[in-house]
Amino acid sequence: MTTVRRFSDEVHVRCGALDGHHDAPVQFVWRGRLYLVQAVLSRWRERSAWWEQAAVAAVHGDDHPQEHDGPAARGPGTATATAVRRVLELGDLEREVWRVEAGIGRGRVVGVYDLARRVDPGTAAVSDPGGTPADGATSHGTAWQMLRVSD
């Protein structure tokens, strides 16, 4: 019986060439342990829960202004504050998910992991830029997240 657990943890990912992908996760550190990716099982894009974004709450009046602009921000007795609210960006709406088999060390597969990163605005539906980042670290400077673990 396979157990699937959901997470929302930050993961440090190193990308490289694997299974015909030029920008695949090849290793990641999660909860202090180094995992080596042994195979890419799948890759897809999914919409994030846009309705949970702070900008949506702000539109509905459920959020306090994050910043003030203008004279009121400088002190009392001046003109009223103008709220500056964050707007949703294109990249907030989608993320790229990589389903990989990985394990601790080069031995056995410990489980199947779904790793996700925010999609950069203006990228193709399924992009493979054909290269790896210069430092080999987190791809495109984007933070990665652990979404699901099956073991």
C-alpha atoms as a PDB file:
ATOM      1  CA  MET A   1       0.000   0.000   0.000  1.00  0.00           C
ATOM      2  CA  THR A   2       1.372   3.385  -1.015  1.00  0.00           C
ATOM      3  CA  THR A   3       1.091   6.329   1.350  1.00  0.00           C
ATOM      4  CA  VAL A   4       0.839   9.803  -0.178  1.00  0.00           C
ATOM      5  CA  ARG A   5       1.556  12.792   2.024  1.00  0.00           C
ATOM      6  CA  ARG A   6       1.169  16.456   1.085  1.00  0.00           C
ATOM      7  CA  PHE A   7       3.693  19.125   2.005  1.00  0.00           C
ATOM      8  CA  SER A   8       4.477  22.752   1.397  1.00  0.00           C
ATOM      9  CA  ASP A   9       8.143  22.713   2.444  1.00  0.00           C
ATOM     10  CA  GLU A  10      10.947  24.644   0.804  1.00  0.00           C
ATOM     11  CA  VAL A  11      13.436  22.377  -0.958  1.00  0.00           C
ATOM     12  CA  HIS A  12      16.895  23.232  -2.281  1.00  0.00           C
ATOM     13  CA  VAL A  13      17.217  21.719  -5.760  1.00  0.00           C
ATOM     14  CA  ARG A  14      20.184  21.267  -8.068  1.00  0.00           C
ATOM     15  CA  CYS A  15      19.272  20.934 -11.744  1.00  0.00           C
ATOM     16  CA  GLY A  16      21.063  19.232 -14.600  1.00  0.00           C
ATOM     17  CA  ALA A  17      20.612  16.750 -17.429  1.00  0.00           C
ATOM     18  CA  LEU A  18      18.610  13.620 -16.615  1.00  0.00           C
ATOM     19  CA  ASP A  19      16.386  11.298 -18.660  1.00  0.00           C
ATOM     20  CA  GLY A  20      16.481  13.564 -21.730  1.00  0.00           C
ATOM     21  CA  HIS A  21      15.650  16.754 -19.811  1.00  0.00           C
ATOM     22  CA  HIS A  22      18.294  19.487 -19.685  1.00  0.00           C
ATOM     23  CA  ASP A  23      16.897  21.292 -16.641  1.00  0.00           C
ATOM     24  CA  ALA A  24      15.657  18.427 -14.460  1.00  0.00           C
ATOM     25  CA  PRO A  25      16.077  18.152 -10.710  1.00  0.00           C
ATOM     26  CA  VAL A  26      19.074  15.851 -10.169  1.00  0.00           C
ATOM     27  CA  GLN A  27      19.381  16.193  -6.409  1.00  0.00           C
ATOM     28  CA  PHE A  28      17.611  18.011  -3.614  1.00  0.00           C
ATOM     29  CA  VAL A  29      17.969  18.727   0.075  1.00  0.00           C
ATOM     30  CA  TRP A  30      14.809  18.307   2.084  1.00  0.00           C
ATOM     31  CA  ARG A  31      14.620  18.420   5.864  1.00  0.00           C
ATOM     32  CA  GLY A  32      18.398  18.226   6.145  1.00  0.00           C
ATOM     33  CA  ARG A  33      18.840  15.145   3.951  1.00  0.00           C
ATOM     34  CA  LEU A  34      20.370  14.929   0.479  1.00  0.00           C
ATOM     35  CA  TYR A  35      18.294  12.971  -2.047  1.00  0.00           C
ATOM     36  CA  LEU A  36      19.660  11.832  -5.411  1.00  0.00           C
ATOM     37  CA  VAL A  37      17.143  11.715  -8.241  1.00  0.00           C
ATOM     38  CA  GLN A  38      17.288   8.396 -10.057  1.00  0.00           C
ATOM     39  CA  ALA A  39      14.547   8.945 -12.652  1.00  0.00           C
ATOM     40  CA  VAL A  40      12.128  11.577 -13.919  1.00  0.00           C
ATOM     41  CA  LEU A  41       8.705   9.935 -14.014  1.00  0.00           C
ATOM     42  CA  SER A  42       6.665  12.870 -15.256  1.00  0.00           C
ATOM     43  CA  ARG A  43       6.558  16.620 -15.646  1.00  0.00           C
ATOM     44  CA  TRP A  44       3.565  18.932 -15.968  1.00  0.00           C
ATOM     45  CA  ARG A  45       2.155  22.358 -15.223  1.00  0.00           C
ATOM     46  CA  GLU A  46      -0.679  23.037 -12.857  1.00  0.00           C
ATOM     47  CA  ARG A  47      -2.591  26.076 -11.730  1.00  0.00           C
ATOM     48  CA  SER A  48      -1.930  27.220  -8.206  1.00  0.00           C
ATOM     49  CA  ALA A  49      -4.773  28.030  -5.818  1.00  0.00           C
ATOM     50  CA  TRP A  50      -5.132  31.586  -7.094  1.00  0.00           C
ATOM     51  CA  TRP A  51      -8.164  32.182  -4.880  1.00  0.00           C
ATOM     52  CA  GLU A  52      -5.905  31.881  -1.808  1.00  0.00           C
ATOM     53  CA  GLN A  53      -3.538  34.664  -2.939  1.00  0.00           C
ATOM     54  CA  ALA A  54      -3.232  37.833  -0.834  1.00  0.00           C
ATOM     55  CA  ALA A  55      -4.117  39.985  -3.855  1.00  0.00           C
ATOM     56  CA  VAL A  56      -7.486  38.240  -4.189  1.00  0.00           C
ATOM     57  CA  ALA A  57      -8.224  38.758  -0.489  1.00  0.00           C
ATOM     58  CA  ALA A  58      -7.356  42.440  -0.930  1.00  0.00           C
ATOM     59  CA  VAL A  59      -9.847  42.807  -3.779  1.00  0.00           C
ATOM     60  CA  HIS A  60     -12.553  41.428  -1.502  1.00  0.00           C
ATOM     61  CA  GLY A  61     -11.558  43.760   1.341  1.00  0.00           C
ATOM     62  CA  ASP A  62     -10.250  40.926   3.525  1.00  0.00           C
ATOM     63  CA  ASP A  63      -6.740  42.358   3.680  1.00  0.00           C
ATOM     64  CA  HIS A  64      -5.164  45.434   5.258  1.00  0.00           C
ATOM     65  CA  PRO A  65      -3.146  47.679   2.954  1.00  0.00           C
ATOM     66  CA  GLN A  66       0.434  46.444   2.810  1.00  0.00           C
ATOM     67  CA  GLU A  67       2.064  49.781   2.050  1.00  0.00           C
ATOM     68  CA  HIS A  68       1.135  53.446   2.040  1.00  0.00           C
ATOM     69  CA  ASP A  69       2.135  55.943  -0.576  1.00  0.00           C
ATOM     70  CA  GLY A  70       2.011  59.696  -0.474  1.00  0.00           C
ATOM     71  CA  PRO A  71       2.048  62.307   2.282  1.00  0.00           C
ATOM     72  CA  ALA A  72      -0.085  60.315   4.748  1.00  0.00           C
ATOM     73  CA  ALA A  73       2.647  57.715   4.984  1.00  0.00           C
ATOM     74  CA  ARG A  74       4.919  60.401   6.411  1.00  0.00           C
ATOM     75  CA  GLY A  75       2.824  61.346   9.389  1.00  0.00           C
ATOM     76  CA  PRO A  76      -0.522  62.360  10.881  1.00  0.00           C
ATOM     77  CA  GLY A  77      -2.410  65.459   9.814  1.00  0.00           C
ATOM     78  CA  THR A  78      -1.605  65.085   6.115  1.00  0.00           C
ATOM     79  CA  ALA A  79      -3.684  63.797   3.206  1.00  0.00           C
ATOM     80  CA  THR A  80      -5.294  60.367   3.388  1.00  0.00           C
ATOM     81  CA  ALA A  81      -3.208  57.293   2.611  1.00  0.00           C
ATOM     82  CA  THR A  82      -3.362  55.585  -0.731  1.00  0.00           C
ATOM     83  CA  ALA A  83      -3.172  51.812  -0.394  1.00  0.00           C
ATOM     84  CA  VAL A  84      -0.765  50.061  -2.693  1.00  0.00           C
ATOM     85  CA  ARG A  85      -1.785  46.457  -3.062  1.00  0.00           C
ATOM     86  CA  ARG A  86       0.148  43.649  -4.645  1.00  0.00           C
ATOM     87  CA  VAL A  87      -1.380  42.336  -7.850  1.00  0.00           C
ATOM     88  CA  LEU A  88      -1.240  38.785  -9.090  1.00  0.00           C
ATOM     89  CA  GLU A  89       1.525  38.171 -11.564  1.00  0.00           C
ATOM     90  CA  LEU A  90       1.341  35.622 -14.344  1.00  0.00           C
ATOM     91  CA  GLY A  91       3.896  33.436 -12.575  1.00  0.00           C
ATOM     92  CA  ASP A  92       1.728  33.300  -9.448  1.00  0.00           C
ATOM     93  CA  LEU A  93      -0.883  31.334 -11.349  1.00  0.00           C
ATOM     94  CA  GLU A  94       1.098  28.343 -12.567  1.00  0.00           C
ATOM     95  CA  ARG A  95       3.835  26.085 -11.346  1.00  0.00           C
ATOM     96  CA  GLU A  96       5.874  23.372 -13.005  1.00  0.00           C
ATOM     97  CA  VAL A  97       5.810  20.036 -11.199  1.00  0.00           C
ATOM     98  CA  TRP A  98       8.433  17.309 -11.559  1.00  0.00           C
ATOM     99  CA  ARG A  99       7.577  13.812 -10.325  1.00  0.00           C
ATOM    100  CA  VAL A 100      10.836  12.014  -9.607  1.00  0.00           C
ATOM    101  CA  GLU A 101      12.078   8.810  -8.029  1.00  0.00           C
ATOM    102  CA  ALA A 102      14.772   9.575  -5.524  1.00  0.00           C
ATOM    103  CA  GLY A 103      16.667   8.046  -2.662  1.00  0.00           C
ATOM    104  CA  ILE A 104      19.275   8.794  -0.081  1.00  0.00           C
ATOM    105  CA  GLY A 105      22.540   7.819  -1.722  1.00  0.00           C
ATOM    106  CA  ARG A 106      22.855   5.857  -4.940  1.00  0.00           C
ATOM    107  CA  GLY A 107      21.172   2.750  -3.589  1.00  0.00           C
ATOM    108  CA  ARG A 108      17.525   1.958  -3.464  1.00  0.00           C
ATOM    109  CA  VAL A 109      14.645   4.264  -4.326  1.00  0.00           C
ATOM    110  CA  VAL A 110      13.118   5.637  -1.142  1.00  0.00           C
ATOM    111  CA  GLY A 111      10.055   7.167  -2.759  1.00  0.00           C
ATOM    112  CA  VAL A 112       8.387   9.257  -5.402  1.00  0.00           C
ATOM    113  CA  TYR A 113       8.532  13.011  -4.876  1.00  0.00           C
ATOM    114  CA  ASP A 114       6.634  15.877  -6.515  1.00  0.00           C
ATOM    115  CA  LEU A 115       8.818  18.992  -6.650  1.00  0.00           C
ATOM    116  CA  ALA A 116       7.413  22.293  -7.911  1.00  0.00           C
ATOM    117  CA  ARG A 117       8.708  25.670  -8.929  1.00  0.00           C
ATOM    118  CA  ARG A 118       6.940  28.834  -9.983  1.00  0.00           C
ATOM    119  CA  VAL A 119       6.690  29.300 -13.735  1.00  0.00           C
ATOM    120  CA  ASP A 120       8.427  32.371 -15.119  1.00  0.00           C
ATOM    121  CA  PRO A 121       6.050  34.696 -17.018  1.00  0.00           C
ATOM    122  CA  GLY A 122       6.166  34.305 -20.785  1.00  0.00           C
ATOM    123  CA  THR A 123       7.506  30.759 -20.867  1.00  0.00           C
ATOM    124  CA  ALA A 124       6.125  28.048 -23.122  1.00  0.00           C
ATOM    125  CA  ALA A 125       3.596  25.522 -21.806  1.00  0.00           C
ATOM    126  CA  VAL A 126       6.340  22.926 -21.347  1.00  0.00           C
ATOM    127  CA  SER A 127       9.732  24.517 -21.696  1.00  0.00           C
ATOM    128  CA  ASP A 128      13.137  22.947 -21.717  1.00  0.00           C
ATOM    129  CA  PRO A 129      15.638  25.772 -22.087  1.00  0.00           C
ATOM    130  CA  GLY A 130      18.376  23.461 -23.293  1.00  0.00           C
ATOM    131  CA  GLY A 131      20.848  24.284 -20.571  1.00  0.00           C
ATOM    132  CA  THR A 132      21.469  24.339 -16.887  1.00  0.00           C
ATOM    133  CA  PRO A 133      22.005  27.344 -14.654  1.00  0.00           C
ATOM    134  CA  ALA A 134      25.610  28.506 -14.455  1.00  0.00           C
ATOM    135  CA  ASP A 135      25.971  27.578 -10.800  1.00  0.00           C
ATOM    136  CA  GLY A 136      23.903  24.385 -11.070  1.00  0.00           C
ATOM    137  CA  ALA A 137      21.800  25.487  -8.108  1.00  0.00           C
ATOM    138  CA  THR A 138      18.132  26.334  -7.976  1.00  0.00           C
ATOM    139  CA  SER A 139      17.003  26.770 -11.531  1.00  0.00           C
ATOM    140  CA  HIS A 140      16.243  30.311 -12.695  1.00  0.00           C
ATOM    141  CA  GLY A 141      16.702  31.553  -9.112  1.00  0.00           C
ATOM    142  CA  THR A 142      13.262  30.149  -8.360  1.00  0.00           C
ATOM    143  CA  ALA A 143      12.422  28.629  -5.016  1.00  0.00           C
ATOM    144  CA  TRP A 144      11.296  25.013  -5.101  1.00  0.00           C
ATOM    145  CA  GLN A 145       8.650  23.348  -2.964  1.00  0.00           C
ATOM    146  CA  MET A 146       7.984  19.770  -1.924  1.00  0.00           C
ATOM    147  CA  LEU A 147       4.342  19.069  -2.776  1.00  0.00           C
ATOM    148  CA  ARG A 148       3.796  15.321  -2.357  1.00  0.00           C
ATOM    149  CA  VAL A 149       5.699  12.257  -1.230  1.00  0.00           C
ATOM    150  CA  SER A 150       4.693   8.676  -2.070  1.00  0.00           C
ATOM    151  CA  ASP A 151       6.482   5.867  -0.281  1.00  0.00           C
END
